[in-house]
């Protein structure tokens, strides 16, 4: 929103206004996620593939069984998802040191590098956009809004 655009001020005590704010926030977050995805340039992955990649990045190496349990799916289905990711060079496996019958899966170094570059591209887009579209006063307001959103998420 530019500084020329104005929104009517909503009364915080009005439940209808609060519902409208919640809806606006949900829609806006969805649009921001889509825009950031466009900036990421990481390829076309299914939602379940993306979830597995995020899980491996966040939680570290895991077995097929562990990933399937966390995702609430059958190990066979998880195996199919992982085979696509392995074929694309995003995930690799090594024997489980505790149970040689299982394989521990992790992100490949090449994919970790791609994730890092993707994040940098999204952050760069956000930085440039904030810098060029918002005044210094609006940038301060945005920083306050980000702090408020952090509180919302942590609740």
C-alpha atoms as a PDB file:
ATOM      1  CA  UNK A   1       0.000   0.000   0.000  1.00  0.00           C
ATOM      2  CA  UNK A   2       1.437   3.406  -0.900  1.00  0.00           C
ATOM      3  CA  UNK A   3       1.300   6.364   1.434  1.00  0.00           C
ATOM      4  CA  UNK A   4      -1.568   7.772  -0.668  1.00  0.00           C
ATOM      5  CA  UNK A   5      -3.781   4.748  -0.015  1.00  0.00           C
ATOM      6  CA  UNK A   6      -5.839   4.892   3.116  1.00  0.00           C
ATOM      7  CA  UNK A   7      -7.810   2.274   4.979  1.00  0.00           C
ATOM      8  CA  UNK A   8     -10.617   3.162   7.362  1.00  0.00           C
ATOM      9  CA  UNK A   9      -9.494   2.781  10.957  1.00  0.00           C
ATOM     10  CA  UNK A  10     -11.230  -0.149  12.608  1.00  0.00           C
ATOM     11  CA  UNK A  11     -12.312  -0.036  16.193  1.00  0.00           C
ATOM     12  CA  UNK A  12     -10.430  -2.719  18.154  1.00  0.00           C
ATOM     13  CA  UNK A  13     -13.513  -3.365  20.285  1.00  0.00           C
ATOM     14  CA  UNK A  14     -15.736  -4.138  17.269  1.00  0.00           C
ATOM     15  CA  UNK A  15     -15.854  -7.956  16.754  1.00  0.00           C
ATOM     16  CA  UNK A  16     -16.880  -7.546  13.097  1.00  0.00           C
ATOM     17  CA  UNK A  17     -13.910  -5.272  12.484  1.00  0.00           C
ATOM     18  CA  UNK A  18     -11.605  -7.750  14.214  1.00  0.00           C
ATOM     19  CA  UNK A  19     -12.926 -10.589  12.033  1.00  0.00           C
ATOM     20  CA  UNK A  20     -12.342  -8.426   8.955  1.00  0.00           C
ATOM     21  CA  UNK A  21      -8.784  -7.733  10.115  1.00  0.00           C
ATOM     22  CA  UNK A  22      -8.176 -11.451  10.659  1.00  0.00           C
ATOM     23  CA  UNK A  23      -9.487 -12.210   7.163  1.00  0.00           C
ATOM     24  CA  UNK A  24      -7.377  -9.434   5.605  1.00  0.00           C
ATOM     25  CA  UNK A  25      -4.294 -10.753   7.392  1.00  0.00           C
ATOM     26  CA  UNK A  26      -4.933 -14.328   6.231  1.00  0.00           C
ATOM     27  CA  UNK A  27      -5.370 -13.219   2.604  1.00  0.00           C
ATOM     28  CA  UNK A  28      -2.329 -10.959   2.750  1.00  0.00           C
ATOM     29  CA  UNK A  29      -0.094 -13.668   4.222  1.00  0.00           C
ATOM     30  CA  UNK A  30      -1.214 -16.024   1.447  1.00  0.00           C
ATOM     31  CA  UNK A  31      -0.375 -13.452  -1.227  1.00  0.00           C
ATOM     32  CA  UNK A  32       3.018 -12.767   0.365  1.00  0.00           C
ATOM     33  CA  UNK A  33       3.796 -16.499   0.471  1.00  0.00           C
ATOM     34  CA  UNK A  34       2.916 -16.869  -3.214  1.00  0.00           C
ATOM     35  CA  UNK A  35       5.033 -13.837  -4.118  1.00  0.00           C
ATOM     36  CA  UNK A  36       7.998 -15.151  -2.151  1.00  0.00           C
ATOM     37  CA  UNK A  37       7.600 -18.542  -3.823  1.00  0.00           C
ATOM     38  CA  UNK A  38       7.814 -16.786  -7.208  1.00  0.00           C
ATOM     39  CA  UNK A  39      11.070 -15.172  -6.103  1.00  0.00           C
ATOM     40  CA  UNK A  40      12.503 -18.479  -4.857  1.00  0.00           C
ATOM     41  CA  UNK A  41      12.983 -20.125  -8.259  1.00  0.00           C
ATOM     42  CA  UNK A  42      13.426 -23.588  -6.728  1.00  0.00           C
ATOM     43  CA  UNK A  43      11.374 -25.601  -9.186  1.00  0.00           C
ATOM     44  CA  UNK A  44       8.065 -27.403  -9.225  1.00  0.00           C
ATOM     45  CA  UNK A  45       7.551 -29.610  -6.215  1.00  0.00           C
ATOM     46  CA  UNK A  46       4.403 -31.155  -4.848  1.00  0.00           C
ATOM     47  CA  UNK A  47       3.299 -29.966  -1.403  1.00  0.00           C
ATOM     48  CA  UNK A  48       4.355 -33.297   0.153  1.00  0.00           C
ATOM     49  CA  UNK A  49       7.806 -33.053  -1.457  1.00  0.00           C
ATOM     50  CA  UNK A  50       8.216 -29.519  -0.130  1.00  0.00           C
ATOM     51  CA  UNK A  51       7.146 -30.660   3.344  1.00  0.00           C
ATOM     52  CA  UNK A  52       9.731 -33.453   3.336  1.00  0.00           C
ATOM     53  CA  UNK A  53      12.487 -31.094   2.198  1.00  0.00           C
ATOM     54  CA  UNK A  54      11.555 -28.561   4.881  1.00  0.00           C
ATOM     55  CA  UNK A  55      11.419 -31.295   7.499  1.00  0.00           C
ATOM     56  CA  UNK A  56      14.864 -32.629   6.576  1.00  0.00           C
ATOM     57  CA  UNK A  57      16.273 -29.125   6.631  1.00  0.00           C
ATOM     58  CA  UNK A  58      14.678 -28.184   9.945  1.00  0.00           C
ATOM     59  CA  UNK A  59      15.011 -31.488  11.837  1.00  0.00           C
ATOM     60  CA  UNK A  60      18.054 -33.020  10.144  1.00  0.00           C
ATOM     61  CA  UNK A  61      18.592 -36.529   8.755  1.00  0.00           C
ATOM     62  CA  UNK A  62      15.800 -39.076   9.217  1.00  0.00           C
ATOM     63  CA  UNK A  63      14.668 -42.505   8.066  1.00  0.00           C
ATOM     64  CA  UNK A  64      11.764 -43.128   5.707  1.00  0.00           C
ATOM     65  CA  UNK A  65       9.754 -44.532   8.618  1.00  0.00           C
ATOM     66  CA  UNK A  66      10.363 -41.469  10.770  1.00  0.00           C
ATOM     67  CA  UNK A  67       9.466 -39.072   7.946  1.00  0.00           C
ATOM     68  CA  UNK A  68       6.312 -41.058   7.152  1.00  0.00           C
ATOM     69  CA  UNK A  69       5.217 -41.025  10.789  1.00  0.00           C
ATOM     70  CA  UNK A  70       5.774 -37.271  11.107  1.00  0.00           C
ATOM     71  CA  UNK A  71       3.877 -36.607   7.873  1.00  0.00           C
ATOM     72  CA  UNK A  72       1.088 -39.034   8.770  1.00  0.00           C
ATOM     73  CA  UNK A  73       1.527 -41.237   5.732  1.00  0.00           C
ATOM     74  CA  UNK A  74       2.468 -44.819   4.912  1.00  0.00           C
ATOM     75  CA  UNK A  75       6.201 -45.576   4.561  1.00  0.00           C
ATOM     76  CA  UNK A  76       5.528 -46.811   1.000  1.00  0.00           C
ATOM     77  CA  UNK A  77       4.041 -43.432   0.047  1.00  0.00           C
ATOM     78  CA  UNK A  78       6.935 -41.624   1.678  1.00  0.00           C
ATOM     79  CA  UNK A  79       9.308 -43.890  -0.256  1.00  0.00           C
ATOM     80  CA  UNK A  80       7.704 -42.761  -3.513  1.00  0.00           C
ATOM     81  CA  UNK A  81       8.058 -39.104  -2.527  1.00  0.00           C
ATOM     82  CA  UNK A  82      11.694 -39.629  -1.566  1.00  0.00           C
ATOM     83  CA  UNK A  83      12.544 -41.521  -4.751  1.00  0.00           C
ATOM     84  CA  UNK A  84      11.585 -38.438  -6.785  1.00  0.00           C
ATOM     85  CA  UNK A  85      13.678 -36.212  -4.520  1.00  0.00           C
ATOM     86  CA  UNK A  86      16.633 -38.617  -4.736  1.00  0.00           C
ATOM     87  CA  UNK A  87      16.387 -38.773  -8.544  1.00  0.00           C
ATOM     88  CA  UNK A  88      16.443 -34.965  -8.639  1.00  0.00           C
ATOM     89  CA  UNK A  89      19.640 -34.942  -6.537  1.00  0.00           C
ATOM     90  CA  UNK A  90      18.004 -33.180  -3.587  1.00  0.00           C
ATOM     91  CA  UNK A  91      18.163 -35.999  -1.046  1.00  0.00           C
ATOM     92  CA  UNK A  92      20.754 -38.688  -0.437  1.00  0.00           C
ATOM     93  CA  UNK A  93      20.821 -41.731   1.803  1.00  0.00           C
ATOM     94  CA  UNK A  94      23.387 -43.457   3.964  1.00  0.00           C
ATOM     95  CA  UNK A  95      23.157 -46.618   6.084  1.00  0.00           C
ATOM     96  CA  UNK A  96      21.736 -46.014   9.551  1.00  0.00           C
ATOM     97  CA  UNK A  97      24.661 -46.529  11.989  1.00  0.00           C
ATOM     98  CA  UNK A  98      22.212 -47.885  14.597  1.00  0.00           C
ATOM     99  CA  UNK A  99      20.245 -50.189  12.282  1.00  0.00           C
ATOM    100  CA  UNK A 100      21.928 -51.302   9.058  1.00  0.00           C
ATOM    101  CA  UNK A 101      18.561 -52.320   7.595  1.00  0.00           C
ATOM    102  CA  UNK A 102      17.478 -48.697   7.401  1.00  0.00           C
ATOM    103  CA  UNK A 103      18.706 -45.703   5.448  1.00  0.00           C
ATOM    104  CA  UNK A 104      19.149 -42.243   6.932  1.00  0.00           C
ATOM    105  CA  UNK A 105      18.149 -39.558   4.462  1.00  0.00           C
ATOM    106  CA  UNK A 106      19.466 -36.008   4.338  1.00  0.00           C
ATOM    107  CA  UNK A 107      19.575 -33.044   2.007  1.00  0.00           C
ATOM    108  CA  UNK A 108      22.456 -33.052  -0.461  1.00  0.00           C
ATOM    109  CA  UNK A 109      25.088 -30.308  -0.156  1.00  0.00           C
ATOM    110  CA  UNK A 110      24.077 -29.053  -3.608  1.00  0.00           C
ATOM    111  CA  UNK A 111      20.466 -28.674  -2.534  1.00  0.00           C
ATOM    112  CA  UNK A 112      21.466 -26.946   0.714  1.00  0.00           C
ATOM    113  CA  UNK A 113      23.355 -24.450  -1.416  1.00  0.00           C
ATOM    114  CA  UNK A 114      20.256 -23.967  -3.584  1.00  0.00           C
ATOM    115  CA  UNK A 115      18.081 -23.417  -0.493  1.00  0.00           C
ATOM    116  CA  UNK A 116      20.516 -20.801   0.783  1.00  0.00           C
ATOM    117  CA  UNK A 117      20.499 -19.005  -2.587  1.00  0.00           C
ATOM    118  CA  UNK A 118      16.711 -19.165  -2.725  1.00  0.00           C
ATOM    119  CA  UNK A 119      16.373 -17.612   0.717  1.00  0.00           C
ATOM    120  CA  UNK A 120      18.840 -14.899  -0.235  1.00  0.00           C
ATOM    121  CA  UNK A 121      16.799 -14.112  -3.373  1.00  0.00           C
ATOM    122  CA  UNK A 122      13.585 -13.799  -1.368  1.00  0.00           C
ATOM    123  CA  UNK A 123      15.205 -11.650   1.299  1.00  0.00           C
ATOM    124  CA  UNK A 124      16.778  -9.475  -1.391  1.00  0.00           C
ATOM    125  CA  UNK A 125      13.382  -8.983  -3.039  1.00  0.00           C
ATOM    126  CA  UNK A 126      11.845  -8.034   0.320  1.00  0.00           C
ATOM    127  CA  UNK A 127      14.711  -5.661   1.122  1.00  0.00           C
ATOM    128  CA  UNK A 128      14.571  -3.909  -2.264  1.00  0.00           C
ATOM    129  CA  UNK A 129      10.787  -3.692  -2.193  1.00  0.00           C
ATOM    130  CA  UNK A 130      10.663  -2.277   1.326  1.00  0.00           C
ATOM    131  CA  UNK A 131      13.480   0.145   0.550  1.00  0.00           C
ATOM    132  CA  UNK A 132      11.894   1.471  -2.659  1.00  0.00           C
ATOM    133  CA  UNK A 133       8.187   1.446  -1.807  1.00  0.00           C
ATOM    134  CA  UNK A 134       8.161   2.699   1.771  1.00  0.00           C
ATOM    135  CA  UNK A 135       9.304   5.941   3.357  1.00  0.00           C
ATOM    136  CA  UNK A 136      11.564   5.845   6.400  1.00  0.00           C
ATOM    137  CA  UNK A 137       8.524   6.386   8.648  1.00  0.00           C
ATOM    138  CA  UNK A 138       6.648   3.545   6.928  1.00  0.00           C
ATOM    139  CA  UNK A 139       9.687   1.285   7.292  1.00  0.00           C
ATOM    140  CA  UNK A 140       9.574   1.941  11.054  1.00  0.00           C
ATOM    141  CA  UNK A 141       5.841   1.145  11.071  1.00  0.00           C
ATOM    142  CA  UNK A 142       6.541  -2.056   9.166  1.00  0.00           C
ATOM    143  CA  UNK A 143       9.175  -3.068  11.722  1.00  0.00           C
ATOM    144  CA  UNK A 144       6.610  -2.537  14.485  1.00  0.00           C
ATOM    145  CA  UNK A 145       4.109  -4.628  12.500  1.00  0.00           C
ATOM    146  CA  UNK A 146       6.674  -7.420  12.160  1.00  0.00           C
ATOM    147  CA  UNK A 147       7.178  -7.384  15.932  1.00  0.00           C
ATOM    148  CA  UNK A 148       3.416  -7.623  16.398  1.00  0.00           C
ATOM    149  CA  UNK A 149       3.245 -10.554  13.962  1.00  0.00           C
ATOM    150  CA  UNK A 150       6.001 -12.318  15.915  1.00  0.00           C
ATOM    151  CA  UNK A 151       3.877 -11.947  19.044  1.00  0.00           C
ATOM    152  CA  UNK A 152       0.889 -13.325  17.142  1.00  0.00           C
ATOM    153  CA  UNK A 153       2.855 -16.376  16.027  1.00  0.00           C
ATOM    154  CA  UNK A 154       4.348 -16.991  19.490  1.00  0.00           C
ATOM    155  CA  UNK A 155       0.962 -16.955  21.222  1.00  0.00           C
END
